[in-house]
Structure formats: C-alpha cells, structure tokens
Amino acid sequence: MGAERTGDSRGIKVLKELYEWLEAIVFSLVVMFALFSFVFRTIQVYGISMQSTLHEGDRLILLSALYEPDYEDIVVVTQVVSNEDYPLIKRVIGLPGDEIDIDFQAGIVYRNGEVLDEPYINEPTHLYEGVNFPVTVPEGCVFVMGDNRNYSKDSRNPDVGMIDKKYLLGKVIFRIWPLSKL
C-alpha cells in the first residue's frame, strides 16, 4: 500500500510539473502574439524603391505602438495606392508644417529652404511625378520618398500624395532577413 502511494505521488508530481510547463508555454505564446499584434510587426519588402537601403525580399521588424514619425524614419504605409497590392515602405522627409521643394534639374530636395543631406539615397532626385513644388505638409500628414528616388512611387506622385499619419503602420527598427544584413 505504501508503494502505491509513492507511485501515485510521483505521478501527481509529474502531472503538476507538466501542467506548469504547459501553462508557461501558453502564457509565453499569448504574450508573443500580443506583442507582435500591437507593438511589433513583421513585413517583407517588395520592389526596388528603397534600394540601396532595403532590397526586395528583406524582412523587417516594425515598431507599431505609440509611434510618432520623425525625419529620416523608414515607415510602412498602408494607404491604398492605385496598382499597388502591398504596403509602401518609404522614408519620412517632411512633417506637418514643413515646406518641401525639389530642384529636379539638380536632383536636390529642400526642407524649409535647406538642402537635405541624404547619404542614404541611391541617386539624386530627377524624377518628376506630377506634384508641383514647393508643397507644405498639412497637419496630421507626412511627406515620404523612397531612397531609390527615380524608381519610387511616393509623395511626389498625386496618386500617393501626403500620407495621413493614421496610415502609418509603424517605423522600421531592424532587418531580420537576410541574416547577413541583420
């Protein structure tokens, strides 16, 4: 009878430990799901508009919660743009109240009358897409451009225009793929 109780107590102990492990795993999964649903998100790069900073197929982690855009942030835009079936990934160039001007002959972008230092661009900005400059960024919006300026559909294009902040999914905080560029 004593041997049976020892066996029973070991079985109960094993079940308790198994239950604790299962509980910890479920809790961890719920926390991870919440974090990646509301705070962080993952996204894949499509197209060449952000080369040479980002390339097609790169996978990125975004900070979504409580994000307030700032100059040079790389952001993901969920605004629906004609002929695009994936989110746009662009760089913030202008914030509300900023005046943006572009000299397409010289390939220079100005913000509030000052030339932008843009070491991240692939080449100077020569592509005119239909928006007449200078423009002032309205309240609640941002002006965005791709780093591969002459192959980017961005705020210079009337189909995209100024981006309402409510369409910013978040800020890119780092690249997770390919591993060599982490």
N, C-alpha and C. Protein backbone atom coordinates (compact mmCIF):
# COMPACT_ATOMS: atom_id res chain seq x y z
N MET A 1 0.81 -1.19 0.00
CA MET A 1 0.00 0.00 0.00
C MET A 1 0.86 1.26 0.00
N GLY A 2 1.97 1.23 0.73
CA GLY A 2 2.90 2.36 0.76
C GLY A 2 3.55 2.58 -0.60
N ALA A 3 3.84 1.50 -1.32
CA ALA A 3 4.46 1.61 -2.64
C ALA A 3 3.51 2.25 -3.64
N GLU A 4 2.21 1.94 -3.48
CA GLU A 4 1.23 2.54 -4.39
C GLU A 4 1.15 4.04 -4.19
N ARG A 5 1.19 4.48 -2.94
CA ARG A 5 1.11 5.91 -2.65
C ARG A 5 2.34 6.64 -3.19
N THR A 6 3.50 6.04 -3.07
CA THR A 6 4.71 6.65 -3.60
C THR A 6 4.60 6.80 -5.11
N GLY A 7 4.12 5.79 -5.78
CA GLY A 7 3.93 5.84 -7.24
C GLY A 7 2.89 6.88 -7.61
N ASP A 8 1.79 6.92 -6.83
CA ASP A 8 0.75 7.91 -7.10
C ASP A 8 1.26 9.32 -6.91
N SER A 9 2.03 9.54 -5.86
CA SER A 9 2.53 10.90 -5.59
C SER A 9 3.54 11.33 -6.66
N ARG A 10 4.33 10.39 -7.16
CA ARG A 10 5.26 10.73 -8.25
C ARG A 10 4.48 11.09 -9.51
N GLY A 11 3.43 10.34 -9.80
CA GLY A 11 2.60 10.61 -10.97
C GLY A 11 1.94 11.97 -10.87
N ILE A 12 1.45 12.30 -9.68
CA ILE A 12 0.82 13.60 -9.46
C ILE A 12 1.85 14.72 -9.61
N LYS A 13 3.04 14.47 -9.08
CA LYS A 13 4.12 15.45 -9.17
C LYS A 13 4.50 15.70 -10.64
N VAL A 14 4.59 14.62 -11.40
CA VAL A 14 4.92 14.74 -12.83
C VAL A 14 3.82 15.51 -13.56
N LEU A 15 2.56 15.18 -13.27
CA LEU A 15 1.43 15.88 -13.91
C LEU A 15 1.43 17.36 -13.54
N LYS A 16 1.71 17.67 -12.27
CA LYS A 16 1.77 19.06 -11.83
C LYS A 16 2.87 19.82 -12.59
N GLU A 17 4.03 19.19 -12.70
CA GLU A 17 5.15 19.83 -13.39
C GLU A 17 4.82 20.01 -14.88
N LEU A 18 4.20 19.01 -15.47
CA LEU A 18 3.79 19.10 -16.88
C LEU A 18 2.79 20.23 -17.06
N TYR A 19 1.85 20.34 -16.15
CA TYR A 19 0.85 21.40 -16.20
C TYR A 19 1.52 22.78 -16.09
N GLU A 20 2.50 22.92 -15.20
CA GLU A 20 3.20 24.19 -15.03
C GLU A 20 3.96 24.57 -16.31
N TRP A 21 4.60 23.58 -16.94
CA TRP A 21 5.31 23.84 -18.19
C TRP A 21 4.33 24.27 -19.29
N LEU A 22 3.22 23.57 -19.38
CA LEU A 22 2.20 23.88 -20.38
C LEU A 22 1.64 25.29 -20.15
N GLU A 23 1.40 25.61 -18.91
CA GLU A 23 0.90 26.93 -18.56
C GLU A 23 1.92 28.02 -18.96
N ALA A 24 3.19 27.79 -18.70
CA ALA A 24 4.23 28.76 -19.05
C ALA A 24 4.34 28.93 -20.57
N ILE A 25 4.23 27.85 -21.30
CA ILE A 25 4.31 27.90 -22.76
C ILE A 25 3.13 28.66 -23.33
N VAL A 26 1.92 28.36 -22.85
CA VAL A 26 0.72 29.05 -23.34
C VAL A 26 0.80 30.54 -23.02
N PHE A 27 1.23 30.88 -21.80
CA PHE A 27 1.37 32.28 -21.41
C PHE A 27 2.38 32.98 -22.32
N SER A 28 3.50 32.34 -22.59
CA SER A 28 4.53 32.92 -23.46
C SER A 28 4.00 33.15 -24.87
N LEU A 29 3.25 32.19 -25.39
CA LEU A 29 2.66 32.34 -26.72
C LEU A 29 1.66 33.49 -26.78
N VAL A 30 0.85 33.64 -25.75
CA VAL A 30 -0.12 34.73 -25.69
C VAL A 30 0.61 36.08 -25.65
N VAL A 31 1.65 36.17 -24.84
CA VAL A 31 2.42 37.42 -24.76
C VAL A 31 3.07 37.73 -26.11
N MET A 32 3.69 36.73 -26.74
CA MET A 32 4.32 36.94 -28.05
C MET A 32 3.28 37.38 -29.09
N PHE A 33 2.11 36.73 -29.09
CA PHE A 33 1.06 37.11 -30.02
C PHE A 33 0.65 38.56 -29.80
N ALA A 34 0.47 38.95 -28.54
CA ALA A 34 0.07 40.33 -28.22
C ALA A 34 1.15 41.32 -28.66
N LEU A 35 2.40 41.00 -28.36
CA LEU A 35 3.49 41.90 -28.76
C LEU A 35 3.56 42.07 -30.27
N PHE A 36 3.44 40.96 -31.02
CA PHE A 36 3.56 41.03 -32.47
C PHE A 36 2.26 41.45 -33.15
N SER A 37 1.19 41.64 -32.38
CA SER A 37 -0.05 42.16 -32.95
C SER A 37 -0.19 43.65 -32.70
N PHE A 38 0.31 44.12 -31.56
CA PHE A 38 0.05 45.50 -31.18
C PHE A 38 1.30 46.37 -31.02
N VAL A 39 2.45 45.80 -30.77
CA VAL A 39 3.66 46.59 -30.54
C VAL A 39 4.63 46.44 -31.71
N PHE A 40 4.96 45.21 -32.06
CA PHE A 40 5.88 44.94 -33.15
C PHE A 40 5.15 44.21 -34.27
N ARG A 41 5.62 44.41 -35.48
CA ARG A 41 5.07 43.69 -36.63
C ARG A 41 6.22 43.31 -37.55
N THR A 42 5.97 42.31 -38.37
CA THR A 42 6.96 41.95 -39.38
C THR A 42 6.38 42.26 -40.75
N ILE A 43 7.26 42.60 -41.68
CA ILE A 43 6.81 42.90 -43.03
C ILE A 43 7.94 42.56 -44.01
N GLN A 44 7.56 42.25 -45.23
CA GLN A 44 8.54 41.94 -46.27
C GLN A 44 8.59 43.09 -47.27
N VAL A 45 9.78 43.37 -47.79
CA VAL A 45 9.99 44.42 -48.78
C VAL A 45 9.64 43.88 -50.16
N TYR A 46 8.84 44.67 -50.90
CA TYR A 46 8.52 44.36 -52.29
C TYR A 46 8.98 45.55 -53.13
N GLY A 47 9.60 45.28 -54.24
CA GLY A 47 10.01 46.34 -55.15
C GLY A 47 11.39 46.89 -54.86
N ILE A 48 11.77 47.90 -55.67
CA ILE A 48 13.13 48.45 -55.60
C ILE A 48 13.17 49.90 -55.12
N SER A 49 12.06 50.43 -54.65
CA SER A 49 12.01 51.86 -54.32
C SER A 49 12.87 52.27 -53.13
N MET A 50 13.34 51.33 -52.32
CA MET A 50 14.18 51.68 -51.16
C MET A 50 15.63 51.24 -51.33
N GLN A 51 16.02 50.79 -52.55
CA GLN A 51 17.42 50.42 -52.76
C GLN A 51 18.28 51.67 -52.69
N SER A 52 19.40 51.68 -52.19
CA SER A 52 20.21 50.58 -51.77
C SER A 52 20.12 50.29 -50.27
N THR A 53 19.18 50.93 -49.58
CA THR A 53 19.00 50.70 -48.14
C THR A 53 18.35 49.35 -47.89
N LEU A 54 17.24 49.08 -48.59
CA LEU A 54 16.50 47.82 -48.44
C LEU A 54 16.32 47.19 -49.82
N HIS A 55 16.24 45.86 -49.83
CA HIS A 55 16.10 45.14 -51.09
C HIS A 55 14.88 44.23 -51.06
N GLU A 56 14.37 43.92 -52.24
CA GLU A 56 13.22 43.03 -52.34
C GLU A 56 13.52 41.72 -51.61
N GLY A 57 12.55 41.31 -50.79
CA GLY A 57 12.70 40.07 -50.03
C GLY A 57 13.21 40.27 -48.62
N ASP A 58 13.77 41.46 -48.32
CA ASP A 58 14.20 41.72 -46.95
C ASP A 58 12.98 41.62 -46.03
N ARG A 59 13.20 41.12 -44.84
CA ARG A 59 12.13 41.07 -43.83
C ARG A 59 12.50 42.02 -42.70
N LEU A 60 11.50 42.78 -42.27
CA LEU A 60 11.73 43.86 -41.32
C LEU A 60 10.85 43.72 -40.08
N ILE A 61 11.33 44.27 -38.97
CA ILE A 61 10.53 44.38 -37.75
C ILE A 61 10.16 45.86 -37.60
N LEU A 62 8.88 46.11 -37.35
CA LEU A 62 8.37 47.47 -37.17
C LEU A 62 7.97 47.70 -35.73
N LEU A 63 8.12 48.93 -35.29
CA LEU A 63 7.56 49.37 -34.02
C LEU A 63 6.25 50.04 -34.37
N SER A 64 5.14 49.48 -33.89
CA SER A 64 3.82 50.00 -34.25
C SER A 64 3.18 50.84 -33.16
N ALA A 65 3.28 50.42 -31.93
CA ALA A 65 2.56 51.08 -30.84
C ALA A 65 3.21 52.42 -30.48
N LEU A 66 2.36 53.41 -30.29
CA LEU A 66 2.79 54.72 -29.83
C LEU A 66 3.89 55.34 -30.68
N TYR A 67 3.86 55.07 -31.97
CA TYR A 67 4.88 55.59 -32.87
C TYR A 67 4.52 57.00 -33.34
N GLU A 68 5.45 57.92 -33.25
CA GLU A 68 5.29 59.27 -33.78
C GLU A 68 6.41 59.49 -34.80
N PRO A 69 6.06 59.75 -36.08
CA PRO A 69 7.08 59.85 -37.13
C PRO A 69 8.07 60.99 -36.91
N ASP A 70 9.29 60.77 -37.39
CA ASP A 70 10.36 61.76 -37.31
C ASP A 70 11.13 61.73 -38.63
N TYR A 71 11.93 62.77 -38.88
CA TYR A 71 12.71 62.85 -40.10
C TYR A 71 13.60 61.62 -40.27
N GLU A 72 13.68 61.15 -41.49
CA GLU A 72 14.52 60.04 -41.94
C GLU A 72 14.07 58.67 -41.45
N ASP A 73 12.97 58.59 -40.67
CA ASP A 73 12.44 57.27 -40.29
C ASP A 73 12.01 56.53 -41.55
N ILE A 74 12.25 55.24 -41.57
CA ILE A 74 11.70 54.40 -42.64
C ILE A 74 10.40 53.85 -42.09
N VAL A 75 9.31 54.11 -42.82
CA VAL A 75 7.97 53.75 -42.35
C VAL A 75 7.26 52.85 -43.35
N VAL A 76 6.25 52.16 -42.84
CA VAL A 76 5.40 51.35 -43.69
C VAL A 76 4.04 52.03 -43.77
N VAL A 77 3.59 52.25 -45.01
CA VAL A 77 2.36 52.97 -45.28
C VAL A 77 1.31 51.98 -45.76
N THR A 78 0.15 51.99 -45.11
CA THR A 78 -0.93 51.07 -45.50
C THR A 78 -1.98 51.74 -46.38
N GLN A 79 -1.79 53.01 -46.69
CA GLN A 79 -2.74 53.73 -47.54
C GLN A 79 -2.85 53.02 -48.88
N VAL A 80 -4.06 52.87 -49.36
CA VAL A 80 -4.27 52.20 -50.64
C VAL A 80 -3.82 53.12 -51.76
N VAL A 81 -2.93 52.60 -52.60
CA VAL A 81 -2.42 53.35 -53.75
C VAL A 81 -2.77 52.54 -54.99
N SER A 82 -3.23 53.22 -56.04
CA SER A 82 -3.63 52.50 -57.25
C SER A 82 -2.52 51.60 -57.76
N ASN A 83 -2.89 50.43 -58.21
CA ASN A 83 -1.99 49.43 -58.80
C ASN A 83 -0.97 48.85 -57.82
N GLU A 84 -1.12 49.07 -56.54
CA GLU A 84 -0.22 48.51 -55.54
C GLU A 84 -1.05 47.61 -54.62
N ASP A 85 -0.63 46.38 -54.43
CA ASP A 85 -1.38 45.48 -53.56
C ASP A 85 -0.58 45.10 -52.32
N TYR A 86 0.40 45.90 -51.98
CA TYR A 86 1.21 45.66 -50.79
C TYR A 86 1.55 47.02 -50.16
N PRO A 87 1.87 47.03 -48.87
CA PRO A 87 2.20 48.30 -48.21
C PRO A 87 3.45 48.94 -48.82
N LEU A 88 3.45 50.27 -48.81
CA LEU A 88 4.62 51.02 -49.29
C LEU A 88 5.61 51.18 -48.14
N ILE A 89 6.90 51.09 -48.47
CA ILE A 89 7.95 51.32 -47.48
C ILE A 89 8.73 52.53 -47.98
N LYS A 90 8.71 53.60 -47.19
CA LYS A 90 9.31 54.88 -47.61
C LYS A 90 10.01 55.54 -46.44
N ARG A 91 10.71 56.63 -46.75
CA ARG A 91 11.43 57.41 -45.72
C ARG A 91 10.67 58.73 -45.49
N VAL A 92 10.54 59.13 -44.23
CA VAL A 92 9.88 60.38 -43.89
C VAL A 92 10.82 61.54 -44.22
N ILE A 93 10.34 62.43 -45.09
CA ILE A 93 11.12 63.61 -45.50
C ILE A 93 10.55 64.87 -44.87
N GLY A 94 9.21 64.95 -44.75
CA GLY A 94 8.59 66.15 -44.21
C GLY A 94 7.52 65.83 -43.18
N LEU A 95 7.43 66.68 -42.16
CA LEU A 95 6.43 66.58 -41.10
C LEU A 95 5.45 67.74 -41.24
N PRO A 96 4.35 67.72 -40.50
CA PRO A 96 3.35 68.80 -40.62
C PRO A 96 3.97 70.19 -40.51
N GLY A 97 3.60 71.06 -41.47
CA GLY A 97 4.09 72.43 -41.48
C GLY A 97 5.35 72.64 -42.30
N ASP A 98 6.06 71.58 -42.65
CA ASP A 98 7.29 71.70 -43.44
C ASP A 98 6.96 72.06 -44.89
N GLU A 99 7.83 72.88 -45.47
CA GLU A 99 7.74 73.15 -46.89
C GLU A 99 8.79 72.31 -47.60
N ILE A 100 8.33 71.50 -48.54
CA ILE A 100 9.22 70.62 -49.31
C ILE A 100 9.31 71.18 -50.73
N ASP A 101 10.54 71.29 -51.21
CA ASP A 101 10.77 71.74 -52.57
C ASP A 101 11.82 70.82 -53.20
N ILE A 102 11.70 70.61 -54.50
CA ILE A 102 12.65 69.74 -55.20
C ILE A 102 13.10 70.44 -56.47
N ASP A 103 14.42 70.52 -56.63
CA ASP A 103 15.02 71.01 -57.87
C ASP A 103 15.34 69.76 -58.69
N PHE A 104 14.46 69.43 -59.62
CA PHE A 104 14.62 68.20 -60.40
C PHE A 104 15.81 68.26 -61.36
N GLN A 105 16.20 69.45 -61.79
CA GLN A 105 17.37 69.58 -62.66
C GLN A 105 18.65 69.21 -61.91
N ALA A 106 18.79 69.75 -60.71
CA ALA A 106 19.98 69.49 -59.90
C ALA A 106 19.85 68.20 -59.08
N GLY A 107 18.60 67.71 -58.93
CA GLY A 107 18.37 66.50 -58.15
C GLY A 107 18.43 66.72 -56.64
N ILE A 108 18.09 67.93 -56.19
CA ILE A 108 18.22 68.30 -54.78
C ILE A 108 16.85 68.47 -54.13
N VAL A 109 16.72 67.96 -52.90
CA VAL A 109 15.50 68.11 -52.12
C VAL A 109 15.77 69.13 -51.01
N TYR A 110 14.80 70.05 -50.83
CA TYR A 110 14.89 71.08 -49.80
C TYR A 110 13.74 70.88 -48.80
N ARG A 111 14.07 71.10 -47.53
CA ARG A 111 13.03 71.13 -46.50
C ARG A 111 13.19 72.47 -45.78
N ASN A 112 12.12 73.26 -45.83
CA ASN A 112 12.13 74.59 -45.20
C ASN A 112 13.31 75.44 -45.68
N GLY A 113 13.61 75.33 -46.98
CA GLY A 113 14.65 76.14 -47.60
C GLY A 113 16.07 75.60 -47.44
N GLU A 114 16.25 74.50 -46.71
CA GLU A 114 17.59 73.94 -46.51
C GLU A 114 17.76 72.65 -47.30
N VAL A 115 18.92 72.50 -47.92
CA VAL A 115 19.23 71.29 -48.68
C VAL A 115 19.33 70.11 -47.70
N LEU A 116 18.67 69.01 -48.05
CA LEU A 116 18.75 67.82 -47.20
C LEU A 116 20.06 67.07 -47.46
N ASP A 117 20.71 66.65 -46.39
CA ASP A 117 21.87 65.77 -46.50
C ASP A 117 21.31 64.36 -46.54
N GLU A 118 21.41 63.70 -47.68
CA GLU A 118 20.78 62.40 -47.86
C GLU A 118 21.79 61.34 -48.32
N PRO A 119 22.66 60.89 -47.43
CA PRO A 119 23.65 59.89 -47.83
C PRO A 119 23.03 58.53 -48.16
N TYR A 120 21.78 58.33 -47.80
CA TYR A 120 21.10 57.05 -47.99
C TYR A 120 20.49 56.89 -49.38
N ILE A 121 20.40 57.96 -50.19
CA ILE A 121 19.72 57.82 -51.48
C ILE A 121 20.60 57.10 -52.50
N ASN A 122 19.94 56.43 -53.43
CA ASN A 122 20.62 55.67 -54.47
C ASN A 122 21.22 56.60 -55.53
N GLU A 123 20.48 57.68 -55.85
CA GLU A 123 20.93 58.67 -56.83
C GLU A 123 20.11 59.95 -56.64
N PRO A 124 20.56 61.08 -57.16
CA PRO A 124 19.82 62.33 -57.00
C PRO A 124 18.39 62.23 -57.54
N THR A 125 17.53 63.11 -57.04
CA THR A 125 16.10 63.10 -57.36
C THR A 125 15.81 63.86 -58.65
N HIS A 126 15.69 63.15 -59.76
CA HIS A 126 15.39 63.78 -61.04
C HIS A 126 13.98 63.46 -61.55
N LEU A 127 13.31 62.47 -60.97
CA LEU A 127 12.00 62.03 -61.47
C LEU A 127 10.88 62.93 -60.95
N TYR A 128 10.24 63.63 -61.87
CA TYR A 128 9.06 64.45 -61.57
C TYR A 128 7.85 63.54 -61.77
N GLU A 129 6.97 63.50 -60.78
CA GLU A 129 5.82 62.58 -60.88
C GLU A 129 4.46 63.27 -60.92
N GLY A 130 4.40 64.59 -61.01
CA GLY A 130 3.12 65.25 -61.17
C GLY A 130 2.73 66.23 -60.08
N VAL A 131 3.36 66.21 -58.93
CA VAL A 131 3.07 67.19 -57.88
C VAL A 131 3.95 68.40 -58.13
N ASN A 132 3.33 69.58 -58.12
CA ASN A 132 4.08 70.82 -58.33
C ASN A 132 4.63 71.33 -57.00
N PHE A 133 5.91 71.67 -57.01
CA PHE A 133 6.60 72.10 -55.80
C PHE A 133 6.84 73.59 -55.84
N PRO A 134 6.97 74.22 -54.66
CA PRO A 134 7.01 73.67 -53.31
C PRO A 134 5.61 73.29 -52.80
N VAL A 135 5.60 72.38 -51.81
CA VAL A 135 4.35 71.98 -51.14
C VAL A 135 4.57 72.10 -49.63
N THR A 136 3.47 72.33 -48.92
CA THR A 136 3.52 72.38 -47.47
C THR A 136 2.78 71.16 -46.94
N VAL A 137 3.41 70.46 -46.01
CA VAL A 137 2.83 69.24 -45.44
C VAL A 137 1.71 69.65 -44.48
N PRO A 138 0.47 69.18 -44.74
CA PRO A 138 -0.65 69.55 -43.86
C PRO A 138 -0.59 68.87 -42.48
N GLU A 139 -1.32 69.42 -41.54
CA GLU A 139 -1.42 68.83 -40.20
C GLU A 139 -1.89 67.38 -40.32
N GLY A 140 -1.33 66.53 -39.51
CA GLY A 140 -1.73 65.13 -39.46
C GLY A 140 -1.16 64.28 -40.58
N CYS A 141 -0.25 64.85 -41.38
CA CYS A 141 0.30 64.12 -42.53
C CYS A 141 1.83 64.15 -42.51
N VAL A 142 2.43 63.31 -43.35
CA VAL A 142 3.86 63.31 -43.59
C VAL A 142 4.11 63.24 -45.09
N PHE A 143 5.28 63.70 -45.50
CA PHE A 143 5.73 63.62 -46.89
C PHE A 143 6.80 62.54 -46.92
N VAL A 144 6.63 61.53 -47.78
CA VAL A 144 7.56 60.40 -47.83
C VAL A 144 8.15 60.23 -49.22
N MET A 145 9.37 59.69 -49.26
CA MET A 145 10.03 59.37 -50.52
C MET A 145 10.82 58.08 -50.37
N GLY A 146 10.97 57.36 -51.47
CA GLY A 146 11.83 56.18 -51.47
C GLY A 146 13.28 56.60 -51.61
N ASP A 147 14.19 55.74 -51.18
CA ASP A 147 15.62 56.04 -51.30
C ASP A 147 16.12 55.89 -52.73
N ASN A 148 15.45 55.09 -53.53
CA ASN A 148 15.79 54.92 -54.94
C ASN A 148 14.88 55.88 -55.72
N ARG A 149 15.17 57.15 -55.58
CA ARG A 149 14.27 58.25 -55.96
C ARG A 149 13.70 58.18 -57.37
N ASN A 150 14.46 57.72 -58.32
CA ASN A 150 13.98 57.73 -59.70
C ASN A 150 13.21 56.46 -60.05
N TYR A 151 13.01 55.58 -59.06
CA TYR A 151 12.21 54.36 -59.24
C TYR A 151 11.28 54.17 -58.06
N SER A 152 10.73 55.27 -57.55
CA SER A 152 9.88 55.22 -56.37
C SER A 152 8.58 55.97 -56.61
N LYS A 153 7.48 55.32 -56.28
CA LYS A 153 6.18 55.97 -56.30
C LYS A 153 5.94 56.44 -54.86
N ASP A 154 5.99 57.76 -54.66
CA ASP A 154 5.92 58.30 -53.31
C ASP A 154 5.12 59.59 -53.28
N SER A 155 5.35 60.46 -52.31
CA SER A 155 4.55 61.68 -52.15
C SER A 155 4.68 62.66 -53.31
N ARG A 156 5.64 62.44 -54.21
CA ARG A 156 5.75 63.28 -55.41
C ARG A 156 4.67 62.93 -56.42
N ASN A 157 4.04 61.79 -56.25
CA ASN A 157 3.02 61.29 -57.17
C ASN A 157 1.63 61.63 -56.62
N PRO A 158 0.76 62.25 -57.43
CA PRO A 158 -0.58 62.61 -56.95
C PRO A 158 -1.40 61.40 -56.46
N ASP A 159 -1.11 60.19 -56.98
CA ASP A 159 -1.82 59.00 -56.51
C ASP A 159 -1.47 58.64 -55.07
N VAL A 160 -0.30 59.07 -54.63
CA VAL A 160 0.15 58.80 -53.25
C VAL A 160 -0.06 60.05 -52.41
N GLY A 161 0.57 61.15 -52.81
CA GLY A 161 0.42 62.42 -52.10
C GLY A 161 0.93 62.37 -50.67
N MET A 162 0.41 63.30 -49.89
CA MET A 162 0.76 63.35 -48.47
C MET A 162 0.13 62.15 -47.78
N ILE A 163 0.82 61.59 -46.81
CA ILE A 163 0.34 60.41 -46.11
C ILE A 163 -0.25 60.81 -44.77
N ASP A 164 -1.52 60.50 -44.59
CA ASP A 164 -2.16 60.73 -43.30
C ASP A 164 -1.51 59.79 -42.28
N LYS A 165 -1.17 60.32 -41.11
CA LYS A 165 -0.48 59.53 -40.09
C LYS A 165 -1.24 58.26 -39.70
N LYS A 166 -2.56 58.28 -39.86
CA LYS A 166 -3.33 57.07 -39.49
C LYS A 166 -3.01 55.89 -40.40
N TYR A 167 -2.36 56.15 -41.55
CA TYR A 167 -1.97 55.08 -42.46
C TYR A 167 -0.53 54.61 -42.27
N LEU A 168 0.13 55.11 -41.23
CA LEU A 168 1.48 54.64 -40.92
C LEU A 168 1.38 53.42 -40.02
N LEU A 169 1.77 52.27 -40.52
CA LEU A 169 1.72 51.03 -39.75
C LEU A 169 2.79 51.03 -38.67
N GLY A 170 3.91 51.70 -38.93
CA GLY A 170 4.97 51.77 -37.94
C GLY A 170 6.30 52.12 -38.57
N LYS A 171 7.30 52.19 -37.69
CA LYS A 171 8.67 52.53 -38.07
C LYS A 171 9.51 51.26 -38.12
N VAL A 172 10.32 51.14 -39.18
CA VAL A 172 11.23 50.01 -39.29
C VAL A 172 12.32 50.19 -38.23
N ILE A 173 12.49 49.15 -37.37
CA ILE A 173 13.53 49.26 -36.34
C ILE A 173 14.73 48.37 -36.65
N PHE A 174 14.51 47.25 -37.36
CA PHE A 174 15.66 46.50 -37.87
C PHE A 174 15.23 45.44 -38.87
N ARG A 175 16.22 44.98 -39.60
CA ARG A 175 16.03 43.96 -40.63
C ARG A 175 16.37 42.61 -40.00
N ILE A 176 15.49 41.61 -40.21
CA ILE A 176 15.76 40.28 -39.66
C ILE A 176 16.14 39.27 -40.74
N TRP A 177 15.97 39.65 -42.01
CA TRP A 177 16.31 38.76 -43.11
C TRP A 177 16.76 39.56 -44.29
N PRO A 178 17.82 39.24 -44.96
CA PRO A 178 18.68 38.10 -44.75
C PRO A 178 19.54 38.27 -43.49
N LEU A 179 19.89 37.15 -42.91
CA LEU A 179 20.66 37.18 -41.66
C LEU A 179 21.97 37.93 -41.80
N SER A 180 22.57 37.89 -42.99
CA SER A 180 23.85 38.56 -43.21
C SER A 180 23.72 40.09 -43.07
N LYS A 181 22.49 40.62 -43.15
CA LYS A 181 22.27 42.07 -43.03
C LYS A 181 21.48 42.44 -41.78
N LEU A 182 21.41 41.52 -40.82
CA LEU A 182 20.64 41.74 -39.59
C LEU A 182 21.09 43.00 -38.90
